[in-house]
């Protein structure tokens, strides 16, 4: 029975060219979910997710070819991006 994690990887470009990257677990999906069922949950989370650095500007959400989602500022109105992805947790 896999445990799936929805991660948010946020990158913020500060003054100049320096950037800060932060990764956090947004949600843990436990239970007997297949990868396809977990991807449905990722899609729901992506539609409603607002990262800390993207609270003010309006955003657009898009799906990448690998199944992850990008939350980006709309109309070039910010210097941050957030990638939401699904990973399977491996226990040791």
N, C-alpha and C. Protein backbone atom coordinates (compact mmCIF):
# COMPACT_ATOMS: atom_id res chain seq x y z
N UNK A 1 0.85 -1.18 0.00
CA UNK A 1 0.00 0.00 0.00
C UNK A 1 0.90 1.24 0.00
N UNK A 2 1.04 1.91 -1.15
CA UNK A 2 1.95 3.05 -1.22
C UNK A 2 1.40 4.29 -0.52
N UNK A 3 2.32 5.10 -0.07
CA UNK A 3 2.00 6.42 0.45
C UNK A 3 2.54 7.42 -0.55
N UNK A 4 1.69 8.32 -1.00
CA UNK A 4 2.07 9.33 -1.98
C UNK A 4 2.22 10.67 -1.30
N UNK A 5 3.18 11.46 -1.76
CA UNK A 5 3.40 12.81 -1.25
C UNK A 5 3.20 13.81 -2.37
N UNK A 6 2.47 14.86 -2.09
CA UNK A 6 2.37 15.98 -3.03
C UNK A 6 3.35 17.02 -2.52
N UNK A 7 4.34 17.34 -3.34
CA UNK A 7 5.38 18.30 -2.98
C UNK A 7 5.21 19.59 -3.74
N UNK A 8 5.57 20.68 -3.09
CA UNK A 8 5.63 21.99 -3.75
C UNK A 8 7.09 22.44 -3.72
N UNK A 9 7.62 22.65 -4.90
CA UNK A 9 8.99 23.16 -5.04
C UNK A 9 8.89 24.59 -5.53
N UNK A 10 9.25 25.50 -4.66
CA UNK A 10 9.07 26.92 -4.95
C UNK A 10 10.42 27.58 -5.19
N UNK A 11 10.50 28.37 -6.24
CA UNK A 11 11.71 29.12 -6.54
C UNK A 11 11.34 30.60 -6.62
N UNK A 12 12.06 31.41 -5.87
CA UNK A 12 11.83 32.85 -5.85
C UNK A 12 13.13 33.54 -6.25
N UNK A 13 13.04 34.42 -7.25
CA UNK A 13 14.20 35.18 -7.69
C UNK A 13 14.23 36.47 -6.89
N UNK A 14 15.30 36.65 -6.14
CA UNK A 14 15.46 37.85 -5.31
C UNK A 14 16.08 38.96 -6.15
N UNK A 15 16.48 40.01 -5.49
CA UNK A 15 17.14 41.13 -6.18
C UNK A 15 18.33 40.60 -6.97
N UNK A 16 18.47 41.06 -8.18
CA UNK A 16 19.56 40.60 -9.03
C UNK A 16 19.26 39.22 -9.57
N UNK A 17 20.23 38.33 -9.52
CA UNK A 17 20.03 37.00 -10.08
C UNK A 17 20.02 35.90 -9.03
N UNK A 18 20.13 36.24 -7.77
CA UNK A 18 20.12 35.22 -6.71
C UNK A 18 18.71 34.65 -6.58
N UNK A 19 18.63 33.34 -6.35
CA UNK A 19 17.32 32.73 -6.18
C UNK A 19 17.31 31.84 -4.94
N UNK A 20 16.12 31.63 -4.42
CA UNK A 20 15.92 30.81 -3.23
C UNK A 20 14.97 29.70 -3.62
N UNK A 21 15.30 28.47 -3.21
CA UNK A 21 14.46 27.31 -3.53
C UNK A 21 14.01 26.66 -2.23
N UNK A 22 12.74 26.32 -2.17
CA UNK A 22 12.18 25.70 -0.97
C UNK A 22 11.27 24.55 -1.42
N UNK A 23 11.41 23.39 -0.76
CA UNK A 23 10.56 22.24 -1.05
C UNK A 23 9.82 21.87 0.23
N UNK A 24 8.51 21.65 0.10
CA UNK A 24 7.73 21.25 1.27
C UNK A 24 6.66 20.24 0.86
N UNK A 25 6.27 19.41 1.83
CA UNK A 25 5.19 18.46 1.62
C UNK A 25 3.88 19.22 1.81
N UNK A 26 3.06 19.24 0.77
CA UNK A 26 1.78 19.93 0.82
C UNK A 26 0.72 19.00 1.41
N UNK A 27 0.78 17.74 0.99
CA UNK A 27 -0.25 16.79 1.42
C UNK A 27 0.29 15.37 1.31
N UNK A 28 -0.10 14.52 2.25
CA UNK A 28 0.24 13.10 2.23
C UNK A 28 -1.01 12.32 1.88
N UNK A 29 -0.90 11.44 0.90
CA UNK A 29 -2.04 10.62 0.46
C UNK A 29 -1.80 9.19 0.92
N UNK A 30 -2.52 8.79 1.95
CA UNK A 30 -2.39 7.43 2.47
C UNK A 30 -3.57 6.60 2.01
N UNK A 31 -3.46 5.32 2.19
CA UNK A 31 -4.55 4.44 1.78
C UNK A 31 -4.13 3.62 0.58
N UNK A 32 -5.05 2.93 0.03
CA UNK A 32 -4.77 2.04 -1.07
C UNK A 32 -5.01 2.74 -2.40
N UNK A 33 -4.25 3.83 -2.67
CA UNK A 33 -4.44 4.61 -3.91
C UNK A 33 -3.42 4.17 -4.95
N UNK A 34 -3.90 3.99 -6.16
CA UNK A 34 -3.00 3.74 -7.27
C UNK A 34 -2.34 5.06 -7.66
N UNK A 35 -1.35 4.99 -8.52
CA UNK A 35 -0.70 6.22 -8.99
C UNK A 35 -1.70 7.10 -9.73
N UNK A 36 -2.57 6.49 -10.51
CA UNK A 36 -3.56 7.26 -11.26
C UNK A 36 -4.52 7.99 -10.32
N UNK A 37 -4.94 7.33 -9.25
CA UNK A 37 -5.82 7.97 -8.26
C UNK A 37 -5.09 9.10 -7.54
N UNK A 38 -3.81 8.89 -7.26
CA UNK A 38 -3.01 9.94 -6.61
C UNK A 38 -2.82 11.13 -7.54
N UNK A 39 -2.68 10.87 -8.84
CA UNK A 39 -2.55 11.96 -9.82
C UNK A 39 -3.83 12.80 -9.89
N UNK A 40 -4.98 12.18 -9.69
CA UNK A 40 -6.24 12.92 -9.64
C UNK A 40 -6.23 13.87 -8.44
N UNK A 41 -5.72 13.40 -7.30
CA UNK A 41 -5.62 14.25 -6.11
C UNK A 41 -4.63 15.39 -6.33
N UNK A 42 -3.53 15.10 -7.04
CA UNK A 42 -2.56 16.15 -7.37
C UNK A 42 -3.22 17.22 -8.23
N UNK A 43 -4.02 16.80 -9.20
CA UNK A 43 -4.72 17.75 -10.07
C UNK A 43 -5.65 18.65 -9.26
N UNK A 44 -6.40 18.07 -8.32
CA UNK A 44 -7.29 18.87 -7.46
C UNK A 44 -6.50 19.87 -6.63
N UNK A 45 -5.38 19.41 -6.08
CA UNK A 45 -4.54 20.28 -5.25
C UNK A 45 -3.97 21.43 -6.08
N UNK A 46 -3.53 21.13 -7.30
CA UNK A 46 -2.92 22.15 -8.16
C UNK A 46 -3.90 23.25 -8.52
N UNK A 47 -5.17 22.89 -8.74
CA UNK A 47 -6.17 23.90 -9.12
C UNK A 47 -6.41 24.91 -8.01
N UNK A 48 -6.21 24.51 -6.76
CA UNK A 48 -6.52 25.38 -5.63
C UNK A 48 -5.30 25.88 -4.88
N UNK A 49 -4.11 25.48 -5.29
CA UNK A 49 -2.90 25.78 -4.51
C UNK A 49 -2.43 27.21 -4.74
N UNK A 50 -2.04 27.87 -3.66
CA UNK A 50 -1.41 29.17 -3.71
C UNK A 50 -0.15 29.10 -2.86
N UNK A 51 0.99 29.30 -3.48
CA UNK A 51 2.24 29.25 -2.74
C UNK A 51 2.42 30.54 -1.94
N UNK A 52 3.32 30.50 -0.98
CA UNK A 52 3.56 31.67 -0.13
C UNK A 52 4.04 32.87 -0.94
N UNK A 53 4.89 32.64 -1.92
CA UNK A 53 5.45 33.76 -2.69
C UNK A 53 4.52 34.24 -3.80
N UNK A 54 3.46 33.49 -4.11
CA UNK A 54 2.55 33.88 -5.19
C UNK A 54 1.17 34.27 -4.67
N UNK A 55 1.09 34.74 -3.45
CA UNK A 55 -0.21 35.10 -2.87
C UNK A 55 -0.78 36.37 -3.50
N UNK A 56 0.05 37.33 -3.82
CA UNK A 56 -0.47 38.61 -4.34
C UNK A 56 -0.76 38.61 -5.83
N UNK A 57 0.19 38.22 -6.68
CA UNK A 57 -0.13 38.31 -8.11
C UNK A 57 -1.10 37.22 -8.54
N UNK A 58 -1.84 37.48 -9.60
CA UNK A 58 -2.71 36.44 -10.14
C UNK A 58 -1.83 35.38 -10.80
N UNK A 59 -2.31 34.14 -10.79
CA UNK A 59 -1.49 33.03 -11.27
C UNK A 59 -2.20 32.24 -12.36
N UNK A 60 -1.42 31.46 -13.06
CA UNK A 60 -1.91 30.52 -14.05
C UNK A 60 -1.30 29.16 -13.70
N UNK A 61 -2.08 28.09 -13.87
CA UNK A 61 -1.63 26.74 -13.57
C UNK A 61 -1.58 25.95 -14.86
N UNK A 62 -0.48 25.24 -15.06
CA UNK A 62 -0.34 24.42 -16.25
C UNK A 62 0.25 23.07 -15.92
N UNK A 63 -0.10 22.06 -16.72
CA UNK A 63 0.43 20.71 -16.52
C UNK A 63 1.64 20.51 -17.42
N UNK A 64 2.70 19.96 -16.85
CA UNK A 64 3.91 19.67 -17.59
C UNK A 64 3.82 18.27 -18.19
N UNK A 65 4.70 17.93 -19.11
CA UNK A 65 4.66 16.63 -19.78
C UNK A 65 4.92 15.46 -18.84
N UNK A 66 5.57 15.71 -17.70
CA UNK A 66 5.84 14.63 -16.74
C UNK A 66 4.70 14.44 -15.74
N UNK A 67 3.59 15.19 -15.88
CA UNK A 67 2.45 15.05 -14.99
C UNK A 67 2.46 16.03 -13.83
N UNK A 68 3.54 16.78 -13.65
CA UNK A 68 3.58 17.78 -12.59
C UNK A 68 2.86 19.04 -13.05
N UNK A 69 2.63 19.95 -12.12
CA UNK A 69 1.92 21.19 -12.41
C UNK A 69 2.79 22.38 -12.05
N UNK A 70 2.72 23.41 -12.86
CA UNK A 70 3.40 24.67 -12.59
C UNK A 70 2.38 25.73 -12.21
N UNK A 71 2.66 26.44 -11.13
CA UNK A 71 1.89 27.61 -10.72
C UNK A 71 2.79 28.81 -11.00
N UNK A 72 2.38 29.64 -11.93
CA UNK A 72 3.22 30.75 -12.39
C UNK A 72 2.47 32.06 -12.31
N UNK A 73 3.21 33.17 -12.14
CA UNK A 73 2.54 34.47 -12.15
C UNK A 73 2.00 34.76 -13.54
N UNK A 74 0.81 35.31 -13.59
CA UNK A 74 0.17 35.65 -14.87
C UNK A 74 0.72 36.98 -15.37
N UNK A 75 0.90 37.09 -16.65
CA UNK A 75 1.31 38.35 -17.30
C UNK A 75 2.63 38.90 -16.77
N UNK A 76 3.56 38.00 -16.45
CA UNK A 76 4.90 38.42 -16.01
C UNK A 76 4.84 39.34 -14.80
N UNK A 77 3.90 39.08 -13.87
CA UNK A 77 3.68 39.98 -12.75
C UNK A 77 4.37 39.53 -11.46
N UNK A 78 5.45 38.77 -11.55
CA UNK A 78 6.14 38.35 -10.35
C UNK A 78 7.44 37.65 -10.68
N UNK A 79 8.15 37.29 -9.66
CA UNK A 79 9.46 36.66 -9.83
C UNK A 79 9.52 35.35 -9.06
N UNK A 80 8.47 34.55 -9.17
CA UNK A 80 8.43 33.29 -8.45
C UNK A 80 7.74 32.24 -9.32
N UNK A 81 8.04 30.99 -9.01
CA UNK A 81 7.34 29.88 -9.65
C UNK A 81 7.23 28.76 -8.65
N UNK A 82 6.26 27.89 -8.88
CA UNK A 82 6.05 26.77 -7.97
C UNK A 82 5.70 25.55 -8.81
N UNK A 83 6.37 24.43 -8.53
CA UNK A 83 6.12 23.18 -9.24
C UNK A 83 5.53 22.18 -8.25
N UNK A 84 4.33 21.69 -8.55
CA UNK A 84 3.68 20.68 -7.71
C UNK A 84 3.86 19.32 -8.36
N UNK A 85 4.38 18.37 -7.59
CA UNK A 85 4.63 17.05 -8.16
C UNK A 85 4.25 15.96 -7.17
N UNK A 86 4.08 14.78 -7.70
CA UNK A 86 3.70 13.61 -6.91
C UNK A 86 4.90 12.67 -6.82
N UNK A 87 5.22 12.23 -5.61
CA UNK A 87 6.27 11.23 -5.45
C UNK A 87 5.78 10.14 -4.51
N UNK A 88 6.32 8.95 -4.67
CA UNK A 88 5.98 7.83 -3.80
C UNK A 88 6.97 7.83 -2.64
N UNK A 89 6.45 7.80 -1.43
CA UNK A 89 7.31 7.78 -0.25
C UNK A 89 7.87 6.37 -0.08
N UNK A 90 9.17 6.29 0.13
CA UNK A 90 9.87 5.03 0.37
C UNK A 90 10.26 4.99 1.84
N UNK A 91 9.82 3.98 2.52
CA UNK A 91 10.16 3.85 3.95
C UNK A 91 11.38 2.98 4.09
N UNK A 92 12.22 3.33 5.05
CA UNK A 92 13.40 2.50 5.35
C UNK A 92 13.19 1.76 6.64
